[in-house]
N, C-alpha and C. Protein backbone atom coordinates (compact mmCIF):
# COMPACT_ATOMS: atom_id res chain seq x y z
N MET A 1 27.11 2.65 29.21
CA MET A 1 27.55 1.74 29.07
C MET A 1 29.12 2.08 28.39
N ASN A 2 30.22 1.34 28.69
CA ASN A 2 31.19 1.77 28.25
C ASN A 2 31.75 1.14 26.76
N GLN A 3 32.83 1.45 26.43
CA GLN A 3 33.03 1.19 24.73
C GLN A 3 33.10 -0.31 24.39
N ARG A 4 34.21 -0.82 25.77
CA ARG A 4 34.12 -2.28 25.59
C ARG A 4 33.09 -3.21 25.65
N ALA A 5 32.23 -3.03 26.70
CA ALA A 5 30.43 -3.57 26.60
C ALA A 5 30.02 -3.17 25.41
N ARG A 6 30.04 -1.91 24.91
CA ARG A 6 29.38 -1.62 23.65
C ARG A 6 29.62 -2.35 22.70
N LEU A 7 31.04 -2.39 22.41
CA LEU A 7 32.15 -3.25 21.17
C LEU A 7 31.36 -4.71 21.08
N ASN A 8 31.48 -5.10 22.41
CA ASN A 8 31.10 -6.74 22.86
C ASN A 8 29.63 -6.96 22.05
N ARG A 9 28.80 -5.98 22.47
CA ARG A 9 27.48 -6.24 22.03
C ARG A 9 27.16 -6.06 20.73
N LEU A 10 27.94 -5.31 20.21
CA LEU A 10 27.96 -5.17 18.53
C LEU A 10 28.19 -6.18 18.23
N LEU A 11 29.81 -6.93 18.33
CA LEU A 11 29.68 -8.20 17.84
C LEU A 11 29.05 -8.84 18.14
N GLY A 12 28.62 -9.43 19.10
CA GLY A 12 27.60 -10.38 19.27
C GLY A 12 26.24 -10.67 18.37
N GLU A 13 26.02 -9.30 18.07
CA GLU A 13 24.91 -8.90 17.41
C GLU A 13 25.39 -9.29 16.11
N GLN A 14 26.60 -9.35 15.49
CA GLN A 14 26.96 -9.95 14.42
C GLN A 14 27.23 -11.08 14.07
N GLY A 15 27.36 -11.84 15.26
CA GLY A 15 27.72 -13.11 15.23
C GLY A 15 28.86 -13.49 15.69
N GLY A 16 29.93 -12.15 15.77
CA GLY A 16 31.03 -12.54 16.39
C GLY A 16 31.20 -12.93 17.94
N GLU A 17 31.90 -13.59 17.99
CA GLU A 17 32.06 -14.42 19.56
C GLU A 17 32.81 -13.34 20.65
N ASP A 18 32.79 -13.09 21.72
CA ASP A 18 33.62 -12.51 22.72
C ASP A 18 35.20 -13.17 22.96
N PRO A 19 35.86 -12.43 22.99
CA PRO A 19 37.04 -13.17 22.83
C PRO A 19 37.42 -14.27 24.49
N GLN A 20 36.77 -13.62 25.14
CA GLN A 20 36.68 -14.19 26.66
C GLN A 20 35.73 -15.73 26.31
N ASP A 21 34.65 -15.71 25.82
CA ASP A 21 33.84 -16.77 25.38
C ASP A 21 34.62 -17.85 24.61
N ALA A 22 35.57 -17.28 23.55
CA ALA A 22 36.30 -17.88 22.51
C ALA A 22 37.39 -18.80 23.28
N GLU A 23 37.96 -18.06 24.21
CA GLU A 23 39.03 -19.04 24.94
C GLU A 23 38.21 -19.82 25.83
N LYS A 24 37.57 -19.67 26.81
CA LYS A 24 36.80 -20.40 27.38
C LYS A 24 36.42 -21.82 26.86
N ARG A 25 35.85 -21.45 25.77
CA ARG A 25 35.25 -22.64 24.47
C ARG A 25 36.65 -23.83 24.03
N ARG A 26 37.78 -23.03 23.77
CA ARG A 26 39.06 -23.43 23.41
C ARG A 26 39.69 -24.24 24.28
N GLN A 27 39.69 -23.69 25.47
CA GLN A 27 40.10 -24.74 27.03
C GLN A 27 39.33 -25.99 27.29
N GLU A 28 38.33 -25.55 26.92
CA GLU A 28 37.08 -26.78 26.99
C GLU A 28 37.34 -28.07 26.21
N ILE A 29 37.49 -27.71 24.76
CA ILE A 29 37.68 -28.53 23.64
C ILE A 29 39.13 -29.42 24.24
N ARG A 30 40.19 -28.31 24.56
CA ARG A 30 40.88 -29.12 24.89
C ARG A 30 41.33 -30.00 26.11
N ARG A 31 40.35 -29.87 27.26
CA ARG A 31 40.38 -30.42 28.23
C ARG A 31 39.91 -31.91 27.99
N GLN A 32 38.68 -31.37 27.06
CA GLN A 32 38.24 -32.75 26.68
C GLN A 32 38.82 -33.78 25.94
N ALA A 33 39.76 -33.02 25.00
CA ALA A 33 40.93 -33.97 24.03
C ALA A 33 41.47 -34.72 24.72
N GLU A 34 42.12 -34.14 25.57
CA GLU A 34 43.23 -34.41 26.39
C GLU A 34 42.51 -35.76 27.23
N HIS A 35 41.37 -35.48 27.85
CA HIS A 35 40.68 -36.90 28.54
C HIS A 35 40.49 -37.70 27.63
N ALA A 36 39.91 -37.90 26.33
CA ALA A 36 39.74 -38.25 25.38
C ALA A 36 40.94 -39.10 25.31
N ASN A 37 42.01 -38.83 25.14
CA ASN A 37 43.09 -39.04 24.89
C ASN A 37 43.66 -40.21 25.83
N ARG A 38 43.50 -39.47 27.18
CA ARG A 38 44.03 -40.35 28.38
C ARG A 38 42.98 -41.80 28.39
N CYS A 39 42.10 -41.66 27.95
CA CYS A 39 41.00 -43.03 27.85
C CYS A 39 41.10 -44.35 27.00
N GLN A 40 42.31 -43.79 25.64
CA GLN A 40 42.50 -44.75 25.01
C GLN A 40 43.26 -45.94 25.72
N ASP A 41 43.21 -46.95 25.00
CA ASP A 41 43.86 -48.27 25.55
C ASP A 41 45.40 -47.66 25.11
N ARG A 42 46.38 -48.17 25.70
CA ARG A 42 47.77 -48.14 25.93
C ARG A 42 48.45 -47.96 24.40
N TYR A 43 47.81 -49.01 23.90
CA TYR A 43 48.06 -49.61 22.64
C TYR A 43 47.37 -49.08 21.42
N GLU A 44 46.56 -48.00 21.87
CA GLU A 44 46.00 -47.44 20.76
C GLU A 44 46.53 -45.94 20.81
N GLU A 45 46.42 -45.11 19.34
CA GLU A 45 46.93 -43.75 18.89
C GLU A 45 46.05 -42.99 19.71
N PRO A 46 46.22 -41.76 20.38
CA PRO A 46 45.47 -40.80 20.83
C PRO A 46 44.62 -40.63 19.89
N LEU A 47 43.18 -39.87 19.73
CA LEU A 47 42.48 -39.20 19.02
C LEU A 47 42.67 -38.18 18.28
N PHE A 48 43.17 -37.16 19.22
CA PHE A 48 43.56 -35.73 19.14
C PHE A 48 45.15 -35.28 19.11
N GLU A 49 45.17 -34.81 18.50
CA GLU A 49 46.53 -33.73 18.63
C GLU A 49 45.81 -32.47 19.00
N ILE A 50 47.16 -32.11 20.20
CA ILE A 50 47.05 -30.69 20.82
C ILE A 50 48.33 -30.20 20.57
N THR A 51 48.06 -28.69 19.67
CA THR A 51 49.43 -28.33 19.73
C THR A 51 49.89 -27.02 20.90
N GLU A 52 51.15 -26.88 20.92
CA GLU A 52 51.18 -25.93 21.95
C GLU A 52 50.39 -24.71 22.41
N GLU A 53 49.81 -24.34 21.26
CA GLU A 53 48.97 -22.95 21.73
C GLU A 53 48.00 -23.11 22.07
N GLY A 54 47.31 -24.61 22.00
CA GLY A 54 46.16 -25.19 22.63
C GLY A 54 44.96 -25.59 21.76
N ASP A 55 45.38 -25.51 20.32
CA ASP A 55 44.53 -26.01 19.33
C ASP A 55 44.25 -27.37 19.16
N VAL A 56 43.04 -28.05 18.88
CA VAL A 56 43.14 -29.09 18.84
C VAL A 56 42.49 -29.68 17.50
N PHE A 57 43.21 -30.52 17.19
CA PHE A 57 43.33 -31.36 15.64
C PHE A 57 42.77 -32.99 15.69
N CYS A 58 41.85 -33.68 14.83
CA CYS A 58 41.92 -34.96 14.73
C CYS A 58 43.03 -35.53 14.30
N ALA A 59 43.47 -36.40 15.31
CA ALA A 59 44.59 -37.08 14.51
C ALA A 59 44.50 -37.85 13.26
N ARG A 60 43.21 -38.27 13.25
CA ARG A 60 43.39 -39.15 11.98
C ARG A 60 43.15 -38.28 10.61
N ASP A 61 43.07 -37.29 10.53
CA ASP A 61 43.33 -36.63 9.46
C ASP A 61 43.85 -35.19 9.87
N GLY A 62 43.81 -34.65 10.69
CA GLY A 62 44.08 -33.24 10.92
C GLY A 62 42.98 -32.30 10.83
N ARG A 63 41.53 -32.66 11.00
CA ARG A 63 40.41 -31.88 11.08
C ARG A 63 40.77 -31.28 12.42
N PRO A 64 40.44 -29.34 12.24
CA PRO A 64 40.53 -29.06 13.68
C PRO A 64 39.09 -28.99 14.25
N VAL A 65 39.08 -29.21 15.40
CA VAL A 65 38.33 -29.40 16.63
C VAL A 65 37.50 -28.19 17.00
N THR A 66 36.31 -27.35 16.68
CA THR A 66 35.85 -26.40 17.02
C THR A 66 35.01 -26.13 17.99
N HIS A 67 34.38 -27.50 18.20
CA HIS A 67 33.35 -27.25 19.34
C HIS A 67 33.16 -28.24 20.12
N THR A 68 32.98 -28.37 21.80
CA THR A 68 32.92 -28.98 22.33
C THR A 68 32.12 -30.90 22.12
N GLN A 69 31.00 -30.66 21.32
CA GLN A 69 30.65 -32.05 20.71
C GLN A 69 31.07 -32.91 19.85
N GLN A 70 32.33 -32.26 19.45
CA GLN A 70 33.19 -32.65 18.31
C GLN A 70 33.98 -33.84 19.07
N THR A 71 34.17 -33.59 19.93
CA THR A 71 35.19 -34.59 20.76
C THR A 71 34.13 -35.80 20.90
N LEU A 72 33.37 -35.82 21.65
CA LEU A 72 32.74 -36.88 21.71
C LEU A 72 32.39 -37.69 20.37
N ALA A 73 31.94 -36.73 19.36
CA ALA A 73 31.23 -37.48 17.94
C ALA A 73 32.52 -37.96 17.60
N GLU A 74 33.43 -37.48 17.42
CA GLU A 74 34.74 -37.96 16.90
C GLU A 74 34.87 -39.62 17.59
N LYS A 75 35.03 -39.95 18.95
CA LYS A 75 35.21 -40.88 19.19
C LYS A 75 34.50 -41.85 19.28
N PHE A 76 33.13 -41.68 19.11
CA PHE A 76 31.95 -42.93 18.94
C PHE A 76 31.75 -42.78 17.24
N TYR A 77 32.08 -41.70 16.37
CA TYR A 77 32.42 -42.26 15.07
C TYR A 77 33.21 -43.59 14.76
N LEU A 78 34.31 -43.54 15.54
CA LEU A 78 35.65 -44.42 15.37
C LEU A 78 35.13 -45.66 15.81
N MET A 79 34.66 -45.60 17.00
CA MET A 79 33.92 -46.69 17.55
C MET A 79 33.38 -47.63 16.79
N GLU A 80 32.41 -46.63 16.20
CA GLU A 80 31.46 -47.19 15.13
C GLU A 80 31.92 -47.86 13.97
N LEU A 81 32.77 -47.21 13.48
CA LEU A 81 33.64 -47.69 12.07
C LEU A 81 34.04 -48.97 12.78
N GLY A 82 34.63 -49.19 13.74
CA GLY A 82 35.93 -50.23 14.10
C GLY A 82 34.89 -51.45 14.57
N TRP A 83 33.95 -51.04 15.42
CA TRP A 83 32.76 -52.40 16.17
C TRP A 83 31.70 -52.37 15.43
N GLY A 84 31.16 -51.28 15.07
CA GLY A 84 29.37 -51.28 14.23
C GLY A 84 28.63 -52.41 14.61
N GLY A 85 27.64 -52.03 14.16
CA GLY A 85 26.79 -53.22 14.14
C GLY A 85 25.46 -53.11 13.39
N PRO A 86 24.42 -53.71 13.86
CA PRO A 86 23.08 -53.80 12.67
C PRO A 86 22.37 -52.38 13.36
N GLY A 87 21.48 -52.40 12.61
CA GLY A 87 20.58 -50.99 12.67
C GLY A 87 20.87 -49.78 12.38
N LEU A 88 22.35 -49.42 11.45
CA LEU A 88 22.39 -48.17 11.01
C LEU A 88 23.20 -47.92 9.60
N VAL A 89 23.01 -47.14 9.14
CA VAL A 89 23.73 -47.11 7.49
C VAL A 89 24.78 -46.24 7.60
N HIS A 90 26.12 -46.51 6.95
CA HIS A 90 26.87 -46.05 6.90
C HIS A 90 27.59 -45.35 5.58
N ASP A 91 27.29 -43.76 5.76
CA ASP A 91 27.68 -42.75 4.33
C ASP A 91 29.04 -42.76 4.64
N PRO A 92 30.04 -43.45 3.75
CA PRO A 92 31.40 -43.41 4.10
C PRO A 92 31.76 -41.73 3.53
N GLU A 93 30.75 -41.31 2.23
CA GLU A 93 31.37 -40.16 1.94
C GLU A 93 30.96 -39.04 2.75
N ALA A 94 29.72 -38.92 3.66
CA ALA A 94 29.32 -37.79 4.39
C ALA A 94 29.84 -38.04 5.95
N GLU A 95 30.57 -39.50 5.77
CA GLU A 95 31.07 -39.64 7.04
C GLU A 95 30.23 -39.69 8.42
N ALA A 96 29.17 -40.31 8.36
CA ALA A 96 28.00 -40.19 8.82
C ALA A 96 27.24 -41.80 8.66
N PHE A 97 26.40 -42.38 10.09
CA PHE A 97 25.60 -42.94 10.24
C PHE A 97 24.53 -42.57 10.45
N TYR A 98 23.36 -43.42 9.58
CA TYR A 98 22.06 -43.05 9.37
C TYR A 98 20.92 -44.18 9.82
N THR A 99 20.10 -43.82 10.56
CA THR A 99 18.87 -44.73 10.86
C THR A 99 18.57 -45.28 9.15
N PRO A 100 17.64 -46.58 9.39
CA PRO A 100 16.88 -46.99 8.08
C PRO A 100 16.17 -46.52 7.77
N GLU A 101 15.71 -45.27 8.68
CA GLU A 101 14.69 -44.30 8.20
C GLU A 101 15.11 -43.09 7.23
N GLY A 102 16.72 -43.01 7.53
CA GLY A 102 17.29 -41.78 7.01
C GLY A 102 17.56 -40.46 7.96
N ASP A 103 17.64 -40.96 9.12
CA ASP A 103 17.63 -39.71 9.99
C ASP A 103 19.23 -39.86 10.55
N LEU A 104 19.74 -38.87 10.85
CA LEU A 104 21.12 -38.83 11.14
C LEU A 104 21.45 -39.40 12.45
N ALA A 105 21.94 -40.24 12.92
CA ALA A 105 22.46 -41.09 14.33
C ALA A 105 23.90 -40.62 14.58
N LEU A 106 24.68 -40.58 13.73
CA LEU A 106 26.01 -40.22 14.39
C LEU A 106 26.98 -39.65 12.91
N SER A 107 27.80 -38.81 13.35
CA SER A 107 28.72 -37.74 12.61
C SER A 107 29.77 -37.87 12.97
N ARG A 108 30.77 -37.36 12.42
CA ARG A 108 32.28 -36.55 13.24
C ARG A 108 31.90 -35.61 14.20
N ASP A 109 30.85 -34.75 13.79
CA ASP A 109 30.37 -33.57 14.61
C ASP A 109 29.27 -33.92 15.36
N PHE A 110 28.16 -34.87 15.43
CA PHE A 110 27.21 -34.95 15.93
C PHE A 110 27.02 -36.29 16.65
N VAL A 111 26.34 -36.33 17.71
CA VAL A 111 25.60 -37.75 17.99
C VAL A 111 24.40 -37.88 18.45
N HIS A 112 23.58 -38.52 18.50
CA HIS A 112 22.20 -38.29 18.54
C HIS A 112 22.05 -39.62 19.33
N LEU A 113 22.10 -39.98 20.64
CA LEU A 113 21.89 -41.08 21.49
C LEU A 113 20.93 -41.86 21.05
N GLU A 114 19.55 -41.42 20.75
CA GLU A 114 18.57 -42.24 21.02
C GLU A 114 18.68 -43.11 19.84
N ARG A 115 19.07 -42.43 18.67
CA ARG A 115 18.85 -43.18 17.35
C ARG A 115 20.63 -44.02 17.77
N LEU A 116 21.68 -43.67 18.30
CA LEU A 116 22.80 -44.42 18.28
C LEU A 116 22.41 -45.83 19.21
N MET A 117 22.03 -45.40 20.03
CA MET A 117 21.94 -46.66 20.95
C MET A 117 20.84 -46.89 21.47
N GLY A 118 19.33 -46.44 21.47
CA GLY A 118 18.24 -46.47 21.81
C GLY A 118 17.49 -47.72 21.57
N GLU A 119 16.03 -47.72 21.82
CA GLU A 119 15.25 -49.04 21.87
C GLU A 119 15.43 -49.25 19.94
N GLU A 120 15.37 -48.74 18.92
CA GLU A 120 15.15 -49.53 17.79
C GLU A 120 16.61 -50.22 17.41
N ARG A 121 17.69 -49.59 18.06
CA ARG A 121 18.99 -50.12 17.81
C ARG A 121 19.07 -51.28 18.29
N MET A 122 18.44 -51.51 19.32
CA MET A 122 18.95 -52.70 20.40
C MET A 122 17.78 -53.72 19.80
N LYS A 123 16.51 -53.61 19.18
CA LYS A 123 16.01 -54.21 18.37
C LYS A 123 16.98 -55.19 17.16
N ALA A 124 17.44 -54.05 16.63
CA ALA A 124 18.35 -54.71 15.61
C ALA A 124 19.28 -55.44 15.98
N TRP A 125 19.86 -55.33 16.86
CA TRP A 125 21.38 -56.26 17.57
C TRP A 125 20.42 -57.29 17.99
N GLU A 126 18.99 -57.39 18.84
CA GLU A 126 18.66 -58.81 19.18
C GLU A 126 18.42 -59.61 18.09
N SER A 127 17.60 -58.71 17.27
CA SER A 127 17.21 -59.75 15.77
C SER A 127 18.63 -60.34 15.06
N GLU A 128 19.60 -59.65 15.46
CA GLU A 128 20.91 -60.27 14.46
C GLU A 128 21.20 -61.32 15.55
N ILE A 129 21.32 -61.40 16.99
CA ILE A 129 21.93 -62.62 17.49
C ILE A 129 20.89 -63.74 17.49
N ALA A 130 19.60 -63.36 16.99
CA ALA A 130 18.56 -64.58 17.34
C ALA A 130 18.40 -65.30 16.57
């Protein structure tokens, strides 16, 4: 085993990330953020700011985007703030939405699609319409 492979293996065991993997992850985050910005209505502000170096930040508050799931979660979180509906409880301090049972459905870092758009949520929508 060469020294580079050995060092990468040791860093991986210590929780460090291989530089090539880190760059691939950064590129994927940038790609997703660019896509999310392109999908915004022309009158809406971009969701993300992307630096010349390729780092991605939430346009809303400058929060760094560090994993790919965060781009989807940020978009859904802002949509829920704007349009929301019955079936979820918003905790502004935690920047999260919970089911009435207390399970996390959505935050700026996490999306649980079943809790966000599942059968229980649809029942709550239907009961409000009726």
